[in-house]
Amino acid sequence: MSYLKMIVRPRFLESVRSNGILFAQCRRNFSYEATVTGMWTTLSQSTPVAYVQQGLVAIHDYSGLPWWASVIVSTVLLRSVVTLPLTVYQNKIVARLEKITLEMPDIVKELKKETAVAMRKFHWTEKEARIMYNTSLKKQWDKLVVRENCHPAKTMIVLWGQIPLWVIMSVSIRNLVHMLPDPSSIEAQVAFTELTLGGFGWIPNLTEVDQSLILPVAMGLINLVIIEIQNAARAKEPSKLQKMFTNVFRGVSVLMVPVAATVPSCLCLYWVTSSACGLAQNLLTMSPRFKRLVGVPQVPSEIARPYSHIRTNFSNRIDAILGKVGLSSK
């Protein structure tokens, strides 16, 4: 028996060791390369991407515009049809939430009276009274939310609509550049050839990167301007969480510049156009006149003159920065 163990055990250990190495190698391949490649292929061949890609080609073919203009027109059209309505709807939700928040002090006052009466009548302890009070308060809040159809989750609707649109559009343009999903098709080859000839100015070939870095830097600057405008448009001092997110978005805007410098210029052109539309959209939806036009209710926190408010905040910040270095803008 001991002799048999001496023969079998080394072979068993060798088998386990070799199988373990093979399993580890397979696990590494499947956990990273195969998974990422499979996810990217699935996204590239997905139905939404196919529809958007066909739409881009259709706009180019029927309009007769060069590809650079077709990308800009398609971006403006999508932002106007999808993102702008979502932004208006989100503004309505935020305004409704503020309005029902103004109703809560009276409800809180009434609930406190009712809770005090119930404590004496039913001999509740303070803990029981607090539980009942919190439960009733939540029910009243939920009723107001249902009445106004303004669930707080809807305040993120622009983000959840804009990110998928940005990803789908980016993948669609990338497919055109790489003649995907079928490089052998005549349509894909024609679109690629037209992209190589459909550039403008310093970028005659839209399938190449922008060596001048004008588009990547422009995208980064526009995104930073959007962040600073949103920050300056606040009526109140931002909280620590808001300041943290503002700094994160600033960092992402800067990091996107080297990324944009490595992608085809037609894709970078889309990113710049999308950011420019976002800037115009932010400025437009700040206007009280536009808000009344699209049905956004007026609330106490609304700034009567938002553009003057932003200009004043920018001026104060510049003065504060110059004051720290011993200079003055005046």
C-alpha atoms as a PDB file:
ATOM      1  CA  MET A   1       0.000   0.000   0.000  1.00  0.00           C
ATOM      2  CA  SER A   2       2.818   2.405   0.838  1.00  0.00           C
ATOM      3  CA  TYR A   3       4.504   1.590  -2.477  1.00  0.00           C
ATOM      4  CA  LEU A   4       1.262   2.303  -4.327  1.00  0.00           C
ATOM      5  CA  LYS A   5       0.981   5.678  -2.594  1.00  0.00           C
ATOM      6  CA  MET A   6       4.553   6.481  -3.630  1.00  0.00           C
ATOM      7  CA  ILE A   7       3.640   5.885  -7.283  1.00  0.00           C
ATOM      8  CA  VAL A   8       0.120   7.325  -7.426  1.00  0.00           C
ATOM      9  CA  ARG A   9       0.530  10.423  -5.240  1.00  0.00           C
ATOM     10  CA  PRO A  10       3.267  12.165  -7.302  1.00  0.00           C
ATOM     11  CA  ARG A  11       1.293  11.552 -10.505  1.00  0.00           C
ATOM     12  CA  PHE A  12      -1.858  12.867  -8.866  1.00  0.00           C
ATOM     13  CA  LEU A  13      -0.096  16.003  -7.634  1.00  0.00           C
ATOM     14  CA  GLU A  14       1.443  16.592 -11.067  1.00  0.00           C
ATOM     15  CA  SER A  15      -1.975  16.252 -12.667  1.00  0.00           C
ATOM     16  CA  VAL A  16      -3.564  18.661 -10.195  1.00  0.00           C
ATOM     17  CA  ARG A  17      -0.726  21.126 -10.644  1.00  0.00           C
ATOM     18  CA  SER A  18      -0.917  21.106 -14.446  1.00  0.00           C
ATOM     19  CA  ASN A  19      -4.718  21.301 -14.461  1.00  0.00           C
ATOM     20  CA  GLY A  20      -4.601  24.125 -11.932  1.00  0.00           C
ATOM     21  CA  ILE A  21      -2.201  26.124 -14.110  1.00  0.00           C
ATOM     22  CA  LEU A  22      -4.391  25.523 -17.156  1.00  0.00           C
ATOM     23  CA  PHE A  23      -7.506  26.499 -15.185  1.00  0.00           C
ATOM     24  CA  ALA A  24      -5.846  29.673 -13.900  1.00  0.00           C
ATOM     25  CA  GLN A  25      -4.785  30.657 -17.418  1.00  0.00           C
ATOM     26  CA  CYS A  26      -8.284  30.041 -18.768  1.00  0.00           C
ATOM     27  CA  ARG A  27      -9.800  31.945 -15.865  1.00  0.00           C
ATOM     28  CA  ARG A  28      -7.596  34.955 -16.543  1.00  0.00           C
ATOM     29  CA  ASN A  29      -8.470  34.953 -20.246  1.00  0.00           C
ATOM     30  CA  PHE A  30     -12.206  34.589 -19.683  1.00  0.00           C
ATOM     31  CA  SER A  31     -12.371  37.081 -16.819  1.00  0.00           C
ATOM     32  CA  TYR A  32     -10.838  39.972 -18.702  1.00  0.00           C
ATOM     33  CA  GLU A  33     -10.055  39.770 -22.407  1.00  0.00           C
ATOM     34  CA  ALA A  34     -12.887  37.517 -23.512  1.00  0.00           C
ATOM     35  CA  THR A  35     -15.451  39.268 -21.341  1.00  0.00           C
ATOM     36  CA  VAL A  36     -14.508  42.793 -22.442  1.00  0.00           C
ATOM     37  CA  THR A  37     -14.291  41.782 -26.096  1.00  0.00           C
ATOM     38  CA  GLY A  38     -17.632  40.016 -25.909  1.00  0.00           C
ATOM     39  CA  MET A  39     -19.334  42.979 -24.244  1.00  0.00           C
ATOM     40  CA  TRP A  40     -17.897  45.423 -26.782  1.00  0.00           C
ATOM     41  CA  THR A  41     -18.927  43.184 -29.709  1.00  0.00           C
ATOM     42  CA  THR A  42     -22.440  42.852 -28.289  1.00  0.00           C
ATOM     43  CA  LEU A  43     -22.736  46.629 -27.921  1.00  0.00           C
ATOM     44  CA  SER A  44     -21.305  47.256 -31.378  1.00  0.00           C
ATOM     45  CA  GLN A  45     -23.822  44.881 -32.956  1.00  0.00           C
ATOM     46  CA  SER A  46     -26.795  45.901 -30.821  1.00  0.00           C
ATOM     47  CA  THR A  47     -30.073  47.055 -32.341  1.00  0.00           C
ATOM     48  CA  PRO A  48     -29.972  50.662 -30.995  1.00  0.00           C
ATOM     49  CA  VAL A  49     -26.484  51.144 -32.429  1.00  0.00           C
ATOM     50  CA  ALA A  50     -27.605  49.728 -35.773  1.00  0.00           C
ATOM     51  CA  TYR A  51     -30.570  52.126 -35.938  1.00  0.00           C
ATOM     52  CA  VAL A  52     -28.457  55.170 -35.042  1.00  0.00           C
ATOM     53  CA  GLN A  53     -25.758  54.127 -37.510  1.00  0.00           C
ATOM     54  CA  GLN A  54     -28.342  53.780 -40.284  1.00  0.00           C
ATOM     55  CA  GLY A  55     -29.787  57.141 -39.275  1.00  0.00           C
ATOM     56  CA  LEU A  56     -26.404  58.829 -39.603  1.00  0.00           C
ATOM     57  CA  VAL A  57     -25.932  57.389 -43.080  1.00  0.00           C
ATOM     58  CA  ALA A  58     -29.477  58.375 -44.069  1.00  0.00           C
ATOM     59  CA  ILE A  59     -29.024  61.984 -42.901  1.00  0.00           C
ATOM     60  CA  HIS A  60     -25.779  62.198 -44.865  1.00  0.00           C
ATOM     61  CA  ASP A  61     -27.239  60.635 -48.027  1.00  0.00           C
ATOM     62  CA  TYR A  62     -30.538  62.540 -48.131  1.00  0.00           C
ATOM     63  CA  SER A  63     -29.173  65.931 -47.051  1.00  0.00           C
ATOM     64  CA  GLY A  64     -26.196  65.881 -49.386  1.00  0.00           C
ATOM     65  CA  LEU A  65     -24.066  67.445 -46.648  1.00  0.00           C
ATOM     66  CA  PRO A  66     -20.404  66.504 -46.148  1.00  0.00           C
ATOM     67  CA  TRP A  67     -19.786  64.097 -43.304  1.00  0.00           C
ATOM     68  CA  TRP A  68     -18.517  66.745 -40.882  1.00  0.00           C
ATOM     69  CA  ALA A  69     -21.754  68.705 -41.295  1.00  0.00           C
ATOM     70  CA  SER A  70     -23.826  65.499 -41.111  1.00  0.00           C
ATOM     71  CA  VAL A  71     -22.273  64.650 -37.732  1.00  0.00           C
ATOM     72  CA  ILE A  72     -23.057  68.127 -36.394  1.00  0.00           C
ATOM     73  CA  VAL A  73     -26.640  68.132 -37.735  1.00  0.00           C
ATOM     74  CA  SER A  74     -27.296  64.628 -36.365  1.00  0.00           C
ATOM     75  CA  THR A  75     -25.948  65.612 -32.937  1.00  0.00           C
ATOM     76  CA  VAL A  76     -28.020  68.794 -32.729  1.00  0.00           C
ATOM     77  CA  LEU A  77     -31.101  66.884 -33.879  1.00  0.00           C
ATOM     78  CA  LEU A  78     -30.688  64.127 -31.285  1.00  0.00           C
ATOM     79  CA  ARG A  79     -29.979  66.575 -28.469  1.00  0.00           C
ATOM     80  CA  SER A  80     -33.027  68.640 -29.431  1.00  0.00           C
ATOM     81  CA  VAL A  81     -35.367  65.649 -29.710  1.00  0.00           C
ATOM     82  CA  VAL A  82     -34.123  63.612 -26.732  1.00  0.00           C
ATOM     83  CA  THR A  83     -32.061  65.579 -24.230  1.00  0.00           C
ATOM     84  CA  LEU A  84     -33.853  68.934 -24.275  1.00  0.00           C
ATOM     85  CA  PRO A  85     -37.320  67.453 -23.522  1.00  0.00           C
ATOM     86  CA  LEU A  86     -35.784  65.360 -20.733  1.00  0.00           C
ATOM     87  CA  THR A  87     -34.168  68.477 -19.282  1.00  0.00           C
ATOM     88  CA  VAL A  88     -37.472  70.355 -19.344  1.00  0.00           C
ATOM     89  CA  TYR A  89     -39.195  67.411 -17.653  1.00  0.00           C
ATOM     90  CA  GLN A  90     -36.477  67.224 -14.997  1.00  0.00           C
ATOM     91  CA  ASN A  91     -36.879  70.936 -14.277  1.00  0.00           C
ATOM     92  CA  LYS A  92     -40.606  70.369 -13.780  1.00  0.00           C
ATOM     93  CA  ILE A  93     -39.917  67.533 -11.331  1.00  0.00           C
ATOM     94  CA  VAL A  94     -37.444  69.651  -9.342  1.00  0.00           C
ATOM     95  CA  ALA A  95     -39.927  72.534  -9.169  1.00  0.00           C
ATOM     96  CA  ARG A  96     -42.761  70.243  -8.033  1.00  0.00           C
ATOM     97  CA  LEU A  97     -40.529  68.734  -5.350  1.00  0.00           C
ATOM     98  CA  GLU A  98     -39.742  72.197  -4.042  1.00  0.00           C
ATOM     99  CA  LYS A  99     -43.440  73.115  -3.994  1.00  0.00           C
ATOM    100  CA  ILE A 100     -44.441  70.058  -1.961  1.00  0.00           C
ATOM    101  CA  THR A 101     -41.491  70.675   0.357  1.00  0.00           C
ATOM    102  CA  LEU A 102     -43.066  74.033   1.174  1.00  0.00           C
ATOM    103  CA  GLU A 103     -46.224  72.203   2.272  1.00  0.00           C
ATOM    104  CA  MET A 104     -44.377  69.992   4.727  1.00  0.00           C
ATOM    105  CA  PRO A 105     -43.961  72.483   7.656  1.00  0.00           C
ATOM    106  CA  ASP A 106     -47.746  72.722   8.136  1.00  0.00           C
ATOM    107  CA  ILE A 107     -48.059  68.936   7.900  1.00  0.00           C
ATOM    108  CA  VAL A 108     -45.248  68.470  10.438  1.00  0.00           C
ATOM    109  CA  LYS A 109     -46.895  70.925  12.829  1.00  0.00           C
ATOM    110  CA  GLU A 110     -50.246  69.106  12.585  1.00  0.00           C
ATOM    111  CA  LEU A 111     -48.668  65.664  13.008  1.00  0.00           C
ATOM    112  CA  LYS A 112     -46.842  66.769  16.138  1.00  0.00           C
ATOM    113  CA  LYS A 113     -50.143  67.895  17.681  1.00  0.00           C
ATOM    114  CA  GLU A 114     -51.837  64.611  16.736  1.00  0.00           C
ATOM    115  CA  THR A 115     -48.910  62.594  18.115  1.00  0.00           C
ATOM    116  CA  ALA A 116     -49.025  64.466  21.436  1.00  0.00           C
ATOM    117  CA  VAL A 117     -52.763  63.776  21.751  1.00  0.00           C
ATOM    118  CA  ALA A 118     -52.256  60.102  20.859  1.00  0.00           C
ATOM    119  CA  MET A 119     -49.517  59.706  23.484  1.00  0.00           C
ATOM    120  CA  ARG A 120     -51.947  60.762  26.234  1.00  0.00           C
ATOM    121  CA  LYS A 121     -54.904  58.851  24.827  1.00  0.00           C
ATOM    122  CA  PHE A 122     -53.165  55.531  24.066  1.00  0.00           C
ATOM    123  CA  HIS A 123     -50.376  55.812  26.652  1.00  0.00           C
ATOM    124  CA  TRP A 124     -47.586  55.541  24.087  1.00  0.00           C
ATOM    125  CA  THR A 125     -43.969  55.711  25.124  1.00  0.00           C
ATOM    126  CA  GLU A 126     -41.712  58.277  23.489  1.00  0.00           C
ATOM    127  CA  LYS A 127     -40.195  55.555  21.314  1.00  0.00           C
ATOM    128  CA  GLU A 128     -43.612  54.358  20.126  1.00  0.00           C
ATOM    129  CA  ALA A 129     -44.726  57.920  19.486  1.00  0.00           C
ATOM    130  CA  ARG A 130     -41.582  58.652  17.483  1.00  0.00           C
ATOM    131  CA  ILE A 131     -42.085  55.533  15.347  1.00  0.00           C
ATOM    132  CA  MET A 132     -45.702  56.420  14.613  1.00  0.00           C
ATOM    133  CA  TYR A 133     -44.794  60.031  13.895  1.00  0.00           C
ATOM    134  CA  ASN A 134     -42.054  59.063  11.398  1.00  0.00           C
ATOM    135  CA  THR A 135     -44.352  56.526   9.716  1.00  0.00           C
ATOM    136  CA  SER A 136     -47.157  59.055   9.343  1.00  0.00           C
ATOM    137  CA  LEU A 137     -44.778  61.726   8.082  1.00  0.00           C
ATOM    138  CA  LYS A 138     -43.423  59.389   5.402  1.00  0.00           C
ATOM    139  CA  LYS A 139     -46.970  58.500   4.326  1.00  0.00           C
ATOM    140  CA  GLN A 140     -47.873  62.165   3.973  1.00  0.00           C
ATOM    141  CA  TRP A 141     -44.736  62.823   1.935  1.00  0.00           C
ATOM    142  CA  ASP A 142     -45.465  59.840  -0.316  1.00  0.00           C
ATOM    143  CA  LYS A 143     -49.003  61.126  -0.868  1.00  0.00           C
ATOM    144  CA  LEU A 144     -47.685  64.501  -1.988  1.00  0.00           C
ATOM    145  CA  VAL A 145     -45.156  62.838  -4.299  1.00  0.00           C
ATOM    146  CA  VAL A 146     -47.903  60.715  -5.879  1.00  0.00           C
ATOM    147  CA  ARG A 147     -50.210  63.723  -6.158  1.00  0.00           C
ATOM    148  CA  GLU A 148     -47.609  65.774  -8.044  1.00  0.00           C
ATOM    149  CA  ASN A 149     -46.043  62.773  -9.835  1.00  0.00           C
ATOM    150  CA  CYS A 150     -42.560  63.933  -8.834  1.00  0.00           C
ATOM    151  CA  HIS A 151     -40.592  60.999  -7.453  1.00  0.00           C
ATOM    152  CA  PRO A 152     -37.080  62.188  -6.490  1.00  0.00           C
ATOM    153  CA  ALA A 153     -35.523  59.493  -8.703  1.00  0.00           C
ATOM    154  CA  LYS A 154     -36.827  61.425 -11.713  1.00  0.00           C
ATOM    155  CA  THR A 155     -34.422  64.265 -10.938  1.00  0.00           C
ATOM    156  CA  MET A 156     -31.714  62.082 -12.534  1.00  0.00           C
ATOM    157  CA  ILE A 157     -33.646  61.408 -15.731  1.00  0.00           C
ATOM    158  CA  VAL A 158     -31.364  63.571 -17.899  1.00  0.00           C
ATOM    159  CA  LEU A 159     -28.312  61.637 -16.737  1.00  0.00           C
ATOM    160  CA  TRP A 160     -29.932  58.268 -17.394  1.00  0.00           C
ATOM    161  CA  GLY A 161     -31.069  59.413 -20.836  1.00  0.00           C
ATOM    162  CA  GLN A 162     -27.968  61.298 -21.905  1.00  0.00           C
ATOM    163  CA  ILE A 163     -25.326  58.692 -21.025  1.00  0.00           C
ATOM    164  CA  PRO A 164     -26.852  55.842 -23.117  1.00  0.00           C
ATOM    165  CA  LEU A 165     -27.413  58.261 -26.012  1.00  0.00           C
ATOM    166  CA  TRP A 166     -23.785  59.414 -25.831  1.00  0.00           C
ATOM    167  CA  VAL A 167     -22.493  55.835 -25.738  1.00  0.00           C
ATOM    168  CA  ILE A 168     -24.728  54.608 -28.583  1.00  0.00           C
ATOM    169  CA  MET A 169     -23.845  57.567 -30.798  1.00  0.00           C
ATOM    170  CA  SER A 170     -20.123  57.145 -30.082  1.00  0.00           C
ATOM    171  CA  VAL A 171     -20.199  53.430 -30.887  1.00  0.00           C
ATOM    172  CA  SER A 172     -22.181  54.103 -34.076  1.00  0.00           C
ATOM    173  CA  ILE A 173     -19.587  56.586 -35.341  1.00  0.00           C
ATOM    174  CA  ARG A 174     -16.806  54.182 -34.385  1.00  0.00           C
ATOM    175  CA  ASN A 175     -18.547  51.457 -36.391  1.00  0.00           C
ATOM    176  CA  LEU A 176     -18.585  53.714 -39.453  1.00  0.00           C
ATOM    177  CA  VAL A 177     -14.859  54.410 -39.086  1.00  0.00           C
ATOM    178  CA  HIS A 178     -13.981  50.702 -38.721  1.00  0.00           C
ATOM    179  CA  MET A 179     -16.569  49.485 -41.276  1.00  0.00           C
ATOM    180  CA  LEU A 180     -18.445  47.457 -38.672  1.00  0.00           C
ATOM    181  CA  PRO A 181     -20.305  45.206 -38.207  1.00  0.00           C
ATOM    182  CA  ASP A 182     -19.552  43.881 -41.749  1.00  0.00           C
ATOM    183  CA  PRO A 183     -16.332  45.252 -43.298  1.00  0.00           C
ATOM    184  CA  SER A 184     -17.040  43.392 -46.553  1.00  0.00           C
ATOM    185  CA  SER A 185     -20.305  45.213 -47.267  1.00  0.00           C
ATOM    186  CA  ILE A 186     -20.293  47.863 -49.980  1.00  0.00           C
ATOM    187  CA  GLU A 187     -22.269  50.309 -47.782  1.00  0.00           C
ATOM    188  CA  ALA A 188     -19.629  50.156 -45.050  1.00  0.00           C
ATOM    189  CA  GLN A 189     -16.795  50.681 -47.525  1.00  0.00           C
ATOM    190  CA  VAL A 190     -18.557  53.608 -49.187  1.00  0.00           C
ATOM    191  CA  ALA A 191     -19.240  55.287 -45.834  1.00  0.00           C
ATOM    192  CA  PHE A 192     -15.602  54.832 -44.806  1.00  0.00           C
ATOM    193  CA  THR A 193     -14.353  56.294 -48.091  1.00  0.00           C
ATOM    194  CA  GLU A 194     -16.673  59.288 -47.753  1.00  0.00           C
ATOM    195  CA  LEU A 195     -15.446  59.864 -44.190  1.00  0.00           C
ATOM    196  CA  THR A 196     -11.860  60.001 -45.450  1.00  0.00           C
ATOM    197  CA  LEU A 197     -12.902  62.758 -47.869  1.00  0.00           C
ATOM    198  CA  GLY A 198     -15.599  64.495 -45.813  1.00  0.00           C
ATOM    199  CA  GLY A 199     -13.453  66.550 -43.482  1.00  0.00           C
ATOM    200  CA  PHE A 200     -13.011  70.296 -43.115  1.00  0.00           C
ATOM    201  CA  GLY A 201     -10.275  72.858 -42.607  1.00  0.00           C
ATOM    202  CA  TRP A 202      -7.344  71.340 -40.774  1.00  0.00           C
ATOM    203  CA  ILE A 203      -8.993  67.876 -40.702  1.00  0.00           C
ATOM    204  CA  PRO A 204      -9.559  66.688 -44.292  1.00  0.00           C
ATOM    205  CA  ASN A 205      -9.762  63.027 -43.197  1.00  0.00           C
ATOM    206  CA  LEU A 206     -12.328  62.374 -40.455  1.00  0.00           C
ATOM    207  CA  THR A 207     -11.018  58.865 -39.772  1.00  0.00           C
ATOM    208  CA  GLU A 208      -7.721  60.252 -38.456  1.00  0.00           C
ATOM    209  CA  VAL A 209      -7.033  61.900 -35.119  1.00  0.00           C
ATOM    210  CA  ASP A 210      -6.897  65.678 -34.777  1.00  0.00           C
ATOM    211  CA  GLN A 211      -3.146  66.247 -34.663  1.00  0.00           C
ATOM    212  CA  SER A 212      -3.638  69.936 -33.863  1.00  0.00           C
ATOM    213  CA  LEU A 213      -5.539  69.026 -30.644  1.00  0.00           C
ATOM    214  CA  ILE A 214      -8.001  71.849 -31.341  1.00  0.00           C
ATOM    215  CA  LEU A 215     -11.089  69.650 -31.015  1.00  0.00           C
ATOM    216  CA  PRO A 216      -9.946  67.759 -27.859  1.00  0.00           C
ATOM    217  CA  VAL A 217      -8.991  70.973 -26.065  1.00  0.00           C
ATOM    218  CA  ALA A 218     -12.223  72.675 -27.181  1.00  0.00           C
ATOM    219  CA  MET A 219     -14.241  69.780 -25.764  1.00  0.00           C
ATOM    220  CA  GLY A 220     -12.436  69.986 -22.435  1.00  0.00           C
ATOM    221  CA  LEU A 221     -12.896  73.751 -22.196  1.00  0.00           C
ATOM    222  CA  ILE A 222     -16.606  73.592 -23.052  1.00  0.00           C
ATOM    223  CA  ASN A 223     -17.214  70.904 -20.449  1.00  0.00           C
ATOM    224  CA  LEU A 224     -15.376  72.963 -17.820  1.00  0.00           C
ATOM    225  CA  VAL A 225     -17.448  76.030 -18.730  1.00  0.00           C
ATOM    226  CA  ILE A 226     -20.643  73.981 -18.267  1.00  0.00           C
ATOM    227  CA  ILE A 227     -19.499  72.860 -14.815  1.00  0.00           C
ATOM    228  CA  GLU A 228     -18.522  76.370 -13.747  1.00  0.00           C
ATOM    229  CA  ILE A 229     -21.797  77.861 -15.013  1.00  0.00           C
ATOM    230  CA  GLN A 230     -23.818  75.281 -13.101  1.00  0.00           C
ATOM    231  CA  ASN A 231     -21.739  75.983 -10.007  1.00  0.00           C
ATOM    232  CA  ALA A 232     -22.154  79.770 -10.360  1.00  0.00           C
ATOM    233  CA  ALA A 233     -25.901  79.465 -10.971  1.00  0.00           C
ATOM    234  CA  ARG A 234     -26.558  78.065  -7.498  1.00  0.00           C
ATOM    235  CA  ALA A 235     -28.545  80.390  -5.272  1.00  0.00           C
ATOM    236  CA  LYS A 236     -27.089  78.826  -2.100  1.00  0.00           C
ATOM    237  CA  GLU A 237     -23.616  77.858  -0.990  1.00  0.00           C
ATOM    238  CA  PRO A 238     -22.908  74.320  -2.287  1.00  0.00           C
ATOM    239  CA  SER A 239     -22.701  71.485   0.213  1.00  0.00           C
ATOM    240  CA  LYS A 240     -19.587  69.377   0.743  1.00  0.00           C
ATOM    241  CA  LEU A 241     -21.068  66.607  -1.412  1.00  0.00           C
ATOM    242  CA  GLN A 242     -21.848  69.048  -4.221  1.00  0.00           C
ATOM    243  CA  LYS A 243     -18.322  70.450  -4.034  1.00  0.00           C
ATOM    244  CA  MET A 244     -16.908  66.934  -4.205  1.00  0.00           C
ATOM    245  CA  PHE A 245     -18.954  66.051  -7.301  1.00  0.00           C
ATOM    246  CA  THR A 246     -18.006  69.361  -8.928  1.00  0.00           C
ATOM    247  CA  ASN A 247     -14.318  68.556  -8.462  1.00  0.00           C
ATOM    248  CA  VAL A 248     -14.848  65.027  -9.800  1.00  0.00           C
ATOM    249  CA  PHE A 249     -16.538  66.360 -12.944  1.00  0.00           C
ATOM    250  CA  ARG A 250     -13.735  68.885 -13.388  1.00  0.00           C
ATOM    251  CA  GLY A 251     -11.208  66.067 -13.241  1.00  0.00           C
ATOM    252  CA  VAL A 252     -13.168  63.947 -15.722  1.00  0.00           C
ATOM    253  CA  SER A 253     -13.381  66.897 -18.128  1.00  0.00           C
ATOM    254  CA  VAL A 254      -9.604  67.307 -18.034  1.00  0.00           C
ATOM    255  CA  LEU A 255      -8.950  63.569 -18.367  1.00  0.00           C
ATOM    256  CA  MET A 256     -11.217  63.367 -21.421  1.00  0.00           C
ATOM    257  CA  VAL A 257      -8.875  65.676 -23.377  1.00  0.00           C
ATOM    258  CA  PRO A 258      -6.070  63.085 -23.878  1.00  0.00           C
ATOM    259  CA  VAL A 259      -8.728  60.444 -24.593  1.00  0.00           C
ATOM    260  CA  ALA A 260     -10.267  62.641 -27.299  1.00  0.00           C
ATOM    261  CA  ALA A 261      -6.791  63.169 -28.758  1.00  0.00           C
ATOM    262  CA  THR A 262      -6.544  59.448 -29.566  1.00  0.00           C
ATOM    263  CA  VAL A 263      -9.898  58.842 -31.284  1.00  0.00           C
ATOM    264  CA  PRO A 264     -10.912  59.558 -34.908  1.00  0.00           C
ATOM    265  CA  SER A 265     -11.670  63.228 -35.467  1.00  0.00           C
ATOM    266  CA  CYS A 266     -15.281  62.511 -36.518  1.00  0.00           C
ATOM    267  CA  LEU A 267     -15.900  60.979 -33.081  1.00  0.00           C
ATOM    268  CA  CYS A 268     -14.163  63.922 -31.384  1.00  0.00           C
ATOM    269  CA  LEU A 269     -16.277  66.277 -33.510  1.00  0.00           C
ATOM    270  CA  TYR A 270     -19.401  64.589 -32.144  1.00  0.00           C
ATOM    271  CA  TRP A 271     -18.163  64.988 -28.578  1.00  0.00           C
ATOM    272  CA  VAL A 272     -17.415  68.692 -29.115  1.00  0.00           C
ATOM    273  CA  THR A 273     -20.796  69.315 -30.755  1.00  0.00           C
ATOM    274  CA  SER A 274     -22.600  67.418 -27.993  1.00  0.00           C
ATOM    275  CA  SER A 275     -20.815  69.481 -25.321  1.00  0.00           C
ATOM    276  CA  ALA A 276     -21.624  72.726 -27.164  1.00  0.00           C
ATOM    277  CA  CYS A 277     -25.294  71.706 -27.330  1.00  0.00           C
ATOM    278  CA  GLY A 278     -25.172  70.936 -23.618  1.00  0.00           C
ATOM    279  CA  LEU A 279     -23.795  74.399 -22.889  1.00  0.00           C
ATOM    280  CA  ALA A 280     -26.522  76.085 -24.956  1.00  0.00           C
ATOM    281  CA  GLN A 281     -29.150  73.865 -23.352  1.00  0.00           C
ATOM    282  CA  ASN A 282     -27.997  74.753 -19.840  1.00  0.00           C
ATOM    283  CA  LEU A 283     -28.118  78.466 -20.586  1.00  0.00           C
ATOM    284  CA  LEU A 284     -31.542  78.192 -22.233  1.00  0.00           C
ATOM    285  CA  THR A 285     -33.200  76.239 -19.423  1.00  0.00           C
ATOM    286  CA  MET A 286     -32.014  78.789 -16.849  1.00  0.00           C
ATOM    287  CA  SER A 287     -34.188  81.485 -18.388  1.00  0.00           C
ATOM    288  CA  PRO A 288     -37.397  82.151 -16.399  1.00  0.00           C
ATOM    289  CA  ARG A 289     -39.148  83.160 -19.618  1.00  0.00           C
ATOM    290  CA  PHE A 290     -38.280  79.817 -21.239  1.00  0.00           C
ATOM    291  CA  LYS A 291     -39.375  77.941 -18.109  1.00  0.00           C
ATOM    292  CA  ARG A 292     -42.816  79.594 -18.187  1.00  0.00           C
ATOM    293  CA  LEU A 293     -43.036  78.868 -21.921  1.00  0.00           C
ATOM    294  CA  VAL A 294     -42.517  75.114 -21.424  1.00  0.00           C
ATOM    295  CA  GLY A 295     -44.659  74.881 -18.295  1.00  0.00           C
ATOM    296  CA  VAL A 296     -42.071  74.744 -15.511  1.00  0.00           C
ATOM    297  CA  PRO A 297     -43.779  76.215 -12.401  1.00  0.00           C
ATOM    298  CA  GLN A 298     -42.196  79.163 -10.639  1.00  0.00           C
ATOM    299  CA  VAL A 299     -40.686  78.445  -7.225  1.00  0.00           C
ATOM    300  CA  PRO A 300     -39.141  80.687  -4.532  1.00  0.00           C
ATOM    301  CA  SER A 301     -35.597  79.470  -5.228  1.00  0.00           C
ATOM    302  CA  GLU A 302     -35.772  80.530  -8.867  1.00  0.00           C
ATOM    303  CA  ILE A 303     -33.367  83.333  -9.727  1.00  0.00           C
ATOM    304  CA  ALA A 304     -35.085  86.208 -11.528  1.00  0.00           C
ATOM    305  CA  ARG A 305     -31.977  87.182 -13.492  1.00  0.00           C
ATOM    306  CA  PRO A 306     -29.834  84.043 -13.762  1.00  0.00           C
ATOM    307  CA  TYR A 307     -27.353  85.412 -16.306  1.00  0.00           C
ATOM    308  CA  SER A 308     -26.610  88.492 -14.216  1.00  0.00           C
ATOM    309  CA  HIS A 309     -26.303  86.241 -11.168  1.00  0.00           C
ATOM    310  CA  ILE A 310     -23.765  84.028 -12.957  1.00  0.00           C
ATOM    311  CA  ARG A 311     -21.792  87.035 -14.187  1.00  0.00           C
ATOM    312  CA  THR A 312     -21.674  88.498 -10.676  1.00  0.00           C
ATOM    313  CA  ASN A 313     -20.514  85.191  -9.173  1.00  0.00           C
ATOM    314  CA  PHE A 314     -17.783  84.845 -11.788  1.00  0.00           C
ATOM    315  CA  SER A 315     -16.653  88.413 -11.138  1.00  0.00           C
ATOM    316  CA  ASN A 316     -16.541  87.813  -7.375  1.00  0.00           C
ATOM    317  CA  ARG A 317     -14.548  84.622  -7.795  1.00  0.00           C
ATOM    318  CA  ILE A 318     -12.049  86.329 -10.084  1.00  0.00           C
ATOM    319  CA  ASP A 319     -11.662  89.172  -7.584  1.00  0.00           C
ATOM    320  CA  ALA A 320     -11.134  86.664  -4.773  1.00  0.00           C
ATOM    321  CA  ILE A 321      -8.449  84.833  -6.760  1.00  0.00           C
ATOM    322  CA  LEU A 322      -6.706  88.047  -7.737  1.00  0.00           C
ATOM    323  CA  GLY A 323      -6.936  89.263  -4.135  1.00  0.00           C
ATOM    324  CA  LYS A 324      -5.044  86.191  -2.939  1.00  0.00           C
ATOM    325  CA  VAL A 325      -2.132  86.984  -5.235  1.00  0.00           C
ATOM    326  CA  GLY A 326      -2.176  90.675  -4.380  1.00  0.00           C
ATOM    327  CA  LEU A 327      -3.820  91.898  -7.561  1.00  0.00           C
ATOM    328  CA  SER A 328      -7.216  93.406  -8.349  1.00  0.00           C
ATOM    329  CA  SER A 329      -9.492  93.339 -11.375  1.00  0.00           C
ATOM    330  CA  LYS A 330     -10.707  96.868 -10.600  1.00  0.00           C
END
